[in-house]
Amino acid sequence: MKIIAFAATSHKKSINKQLIEYAAQLLTKVDIEILDLNDYEMPLYSQDKEKELGHPKLAKEFLEKITNSDGIMISFAEHNGSYTVAYKNIFDWCSRIEPKVYQNKPMVLFSTSPGSLGGANILATAVNSMPHFNGIVKASLSIPSFYDNFDAEKQILSHEELNEQFKDAVSHLNHLK
């Protein structure tokens, strides 16, 4: 079993990346690869750029990671109520190669932010849109007030109830066939 995981942001010290790294530690029955969107920087997608460049090698490589996985775990950062440019750009390029980007893969989706909503708006957007791109959302969870609920030193969720909900969500990827 192979799971790919990533924070849907290019911020090198992203709290969503910390959340994904914690989630990866909880996956015990699978091989997990954590991707960094900084490794997949491409020109901003446009039809003109696509006509000029074709499909970038990095988009093909990212899509191949999805193709070769058995499941996907993503933690979404919210920028101005929407996806980050880093995520949206790679998604747009990949969708031009394979419109059903997520290829019937089971997914667990998260979001977090320093605020009390924890990126809940972008998480709702992601949960609602994934089925249109053949993503099968098995679980999702927003973690509010990241700095109050995550122990940075131990790299774990310190809020007991949230931690149990988080572990339950992650467990959906431990039980894939």
Protein backbone atom coordinates (compact mmCIF):
# COMPACT_ATOMS: atom_id res chain seq x y z
CA MET A 1 0.00 0.00 0.00
CA LYS A 2 1.36 3.39 -1.03
CA ILE A 3 -0.06 6.69 0.20
CA ILE A 4 1.02 10.10 -1.02
CA ALA A 5 0.53 13.06 1.27
CA PHE A 6 1.13 16.77 0.99
CA ALA A 7 0.27 20.16 2.37
CA ALA A 8 -1.53 22.15 -0.33
CA THR A 9 0.80 25.12 0.08
CA SER A 10 4.33 26.15 -0.81
CA HIS A 11 5.10 27.69 2.59
CA LYS A 12 8.23 25.91 3.85
CA LYS A 13 7.18 26.17 7.52
CA SER A 14 3.51 25.51 6.91
CA ILE A 15 1.36 24.40 9.80
CA ASN A 16 -0.50 22.23 7.28
CA LYS A 17 2.78 20.50 6.51
CA GLN A 18 3.29 19.87 10.24
CA LEU A 19 -0.20 18.37 10.37
CA ILE A 20 0.54 16.07 7.39
CA GLU A 21 3.82 14.97 8.96
CA TYR A 22 1.97 14.10 12.17
CA ALA A 23 -0.66 12.19 10.19
CA ALA A 24 2.08 10.26 8.37
CA GLN A 25 3.41 9.04 11.72
CA LEU A 26 -0.01 7.55 12.45
CA LEU A 27 -0.10 5.47 9.26
CA THR A 28 1.38 2.17 10.33
CA LYS A 29 0.26 -0.30 7.69
CA VAL A 30 1.25 1.62 4.56
CA ASP A 31 4.23 3.11 2.75
CA ILE A 32 3.86 6.89 2.77
CA GLU A 33 5.58 9.51 0.66
CA ILE A 34 5.25 13.16 1.66
CA LEU A 35 5.44 15.45 -1.35
CA ASP A 36 6.51 19.10 -1.25
CA LEU A 37 4.72 21.38 -3.71
CA ASN A 38 7.94 23.43 -3.95
CA ASP A 39 9.37 20.53 -5.95
CA TYR A 40 6.65 21.04 -8.57
CA GLU A 41 6.85 24.77 -9.36
CA MET A 42 5.71 25.53 -12.89
CA PRO A 43 4.59 28.55 -14.85
CA LEU A 44 1.11 29.73 -13.96
CA TYR A 45 -1.38 27.73 -15.95
CA SER A 46 -3.12 29.38 -18.90
CA GLN A 47 -4.32 28.09 -22.24
CA ASP A 48 -1.66 30.23 -23.89
CA LYS A 49 1.09 28.68 -21.73
CA GLU A 50 -0.26 25.21 -22.44
CA LYS A 51 -0.20 25.89 -26.18
CA GLU A 52 3.33 27.30 -25.91
CA LEU A 53 4.83 24.72 -23.52
CA GLY A 54 2.68 21.64 -23.78
CA HIS A 55 2.33 19.75 -20.52
CA PRO A 56 5.24 20.38 -18.14
CA LYS A 57 7.31 17.42 -17.03
CA LEU A 58 6.67 18.32 -13.38
CA ALA A 59 2.90 18.10 -13.88
CA LYS A 60 3.32 14.67 -15.44
CA GLU A 61 5.54 13.59 -12.53
CA PHE A 62 3.04 14.82 -9.93
CA LEU A 63 0.20 13.06 -11.71
CA GLU A 64 2.30 9.89 -11.88
CA LYS A 65 2.65 10.03 -8.08
CA ILE A 66 -1.15 10.04 -7.85
CA THR A 67 -1.46 7.24 -10.41
CA ASN A 68 1.01 5.03 -8.55
CA SER A 69 -0.60 5.58 -5.15
CA ASP A 70 -3.34 3.65 -3.40
CA GLY A 71 -4.57 6.69 -1.47
CA ILE A 72 -4.04 10.38 -0.90
CA MET A 73 -3.86 12.61 2.15
CA ILE A 74 -3.93 16.41 1.81
CA SER A 75 -3.97 19.25 4.32
CA PHE A 76 -5.26 22.50 2.82
CA ALA A 77 -4.08 25.97 3.69
CA GLU A 78 -6.64 28.69 3.04
CA HIS A 79 -5.57 31.88 1.29
CA ASN A 80 -8.20 34.58 1.08
CA GLY A 81 -10.97 32.00 1.35
CA SER A 82 -9.62 29.78 -1.43
CA TYR A 83 -6.92 27.32 -2.41
CA THR A 84 -3.31 28.47 -2.38
CA VAL A 85 -1.84 29.41 -5.75
CA ALA A 86 0.71 26.58 -5.42
CA TYR A 87 -2.02 23.94 -5.12
CA LYS A 88 -4.37 25.44 -7.69
CA ASN A 89 -1.61 25.78 -10.27
CA ILE A 90 -0.42 22.20 -10.02
CA PHE A 91 -4.02 20.97 -9.98
CA ASP A 92 -4.84 23.00 -13.11
CA TRP A 93 -1.83 21.62 -15.01
CA CYS A 94 -2.62 18.05 -13.93
CA SER A 95 -6.28 18.37 -14.88
CA ARG A 96 -5.26 19.23 -18.44
CA ILE A 97 -3.42 15.93 -18.67
CA GLU A 98 -5.99 13.83 -16.78
CA PRO A 99 -9.35 15.53 -16.10
CA LYS A 100 -10.16 12.97 -13.39
CA VAL A 101 -6.99 13.94 -11.50
CA TYR A 102 -7.58 11.79 -8.43
CA GLN A 103 -8.37 8.60 -10.39
CA ASN A 104 -10.79 6.98 -7.93
CA LYS A 105 -8.28 7.13 -5.10
CA PRO A 106 -9.50 7.18 -1.50
CA MET A 107 -8.60 10.44 0.22
CA VAL A 108 -8.42 11.91 3.69
CA LEU A 109 -8.53 15.70 3.75
CA PHE A 110 -7.53 18.14 6.47
CA SER A 111 -7.13 21.84 6.98
CA THR A 112 -5.80 23.99 9.76
CA SER A 113 -5.12 27.63 10.48
CA PRO A 114 -4.25 29.81 13.46
CA GLY A 115 -7.87 30.98 13.56
CA SER A 116 -10.97 29.48 15.12
CA LEU A 117 -12.32 28.11 11.80
CA GLY A 118 -9.18 26.12 11.02
CA GLY A 119 -9.50 26.57 7.28
CA ALA A 120 -12.98 25.03 7.36
CA ASN A 121 -14.12 27.02 4.31
CA ILE A 122 -11.42 25.67 2.00
CA LEU A 123 -11.85 22.19 3.43
CA ALA A 124 -15.56 22.30 2.57
CA THR A 125 -14.68 23.45 -0.94
CA ALA A 126 -12.19 20.59 -1.33
CA VAL A 127 -14.56 17.96 0.05
CA ASN A 128 -17.30 19.12 -2.33
CA SER A 129 -15.06 19.31 -5.40
CA MET A 130 -13.02 16.10 -5.08
CA PRO A 131 -15.77 13.78 -6.39
CA HIS A 132 -15.86 15.81 -9.63
CA PHE A 133 -12.22 14.83 -10.15
CA ASN A 134 -12.70 11.20 -9.04
CA GLY A 135 -11.44 11.66 -5.51
CA ILE A 136 -13.21 9.45 -2.97
CA VAL A 137 -13.26 11.37 0.32
CA LYS A 138 -13.20 8.87 3.18
CA ALA A 139 -12.80 11.42 5.97
CA SER A 140 -12.13 15.11 6.54
CA LEU A 141 -11.35 17.25 9.54
CA SER A 142 -10.56 20.89 10.21
CA ILE A 143 -8.20 21.67 13.09
CA PRO A 144 -8.98 25.13 14.53
CA SER A 145 -6.56 27.35 16.44
CA PHE A 146 -3.51 25.34 15.42
CA TYR A 147 -1.10 26.95 17.86
CA ASP A 148 -3.45 26.25 20.78
CA ASN A 149 -4.12 22.64 19.75
CA PHE A 150 -0.76 21.42 18.42
CA ASP A 151 2.32 20.80 20.55
CA ALA A 152 5.14 22.04 18.30
CA GLU A 153 7.83 20.51 20.47
CA LYS A 154 6.30 17.00 20.44
CA GLN A 155 4.76 17.46 16.96
CA ILE A 156 1.36 16.08 18.01
CA LEU A 157 -2.16 17.37 18.53
CA SER A 158 -2.39 18.21 22.21
CA HIS A 159 -6.17 18.62 22.30
CA GLU A 160 -7.34 15.14 23.30
CA GLU A 161 -10.73 15.11 21.55
CA LEU A 162 -9.33 16.61 18.33
CA ASN A 163 -6.48 14.13 18.43
CA GLU A 164 -8.92 11.20 18.64
CA GLN A 165 -10.96 12.60 15.72
CA PHE A 166 -7.75 13.11 13.77
CA LYS A 167 -6.53 9.56 14.42
CA ASP A 168 -9.91 8.22 13.35
CA ALA A 169 -9.76 10.18 10.08
CA VAL A 170 -6.22 8.99 9.32
CA SER A 171 -7.18 5.40 10.11
CA HIS A 172 -9.31 5.29 6.96
CA LEU A 173 -6.09 5.01 4.97
CA ASN A 174 -4.69 2.23 7.17
CA HIS A 175 -7.52 -0.04 6.09
CA LEU A 176 -7.30 0.10 2.32
CA LYS A 177 -7.23 -3.13 0.36
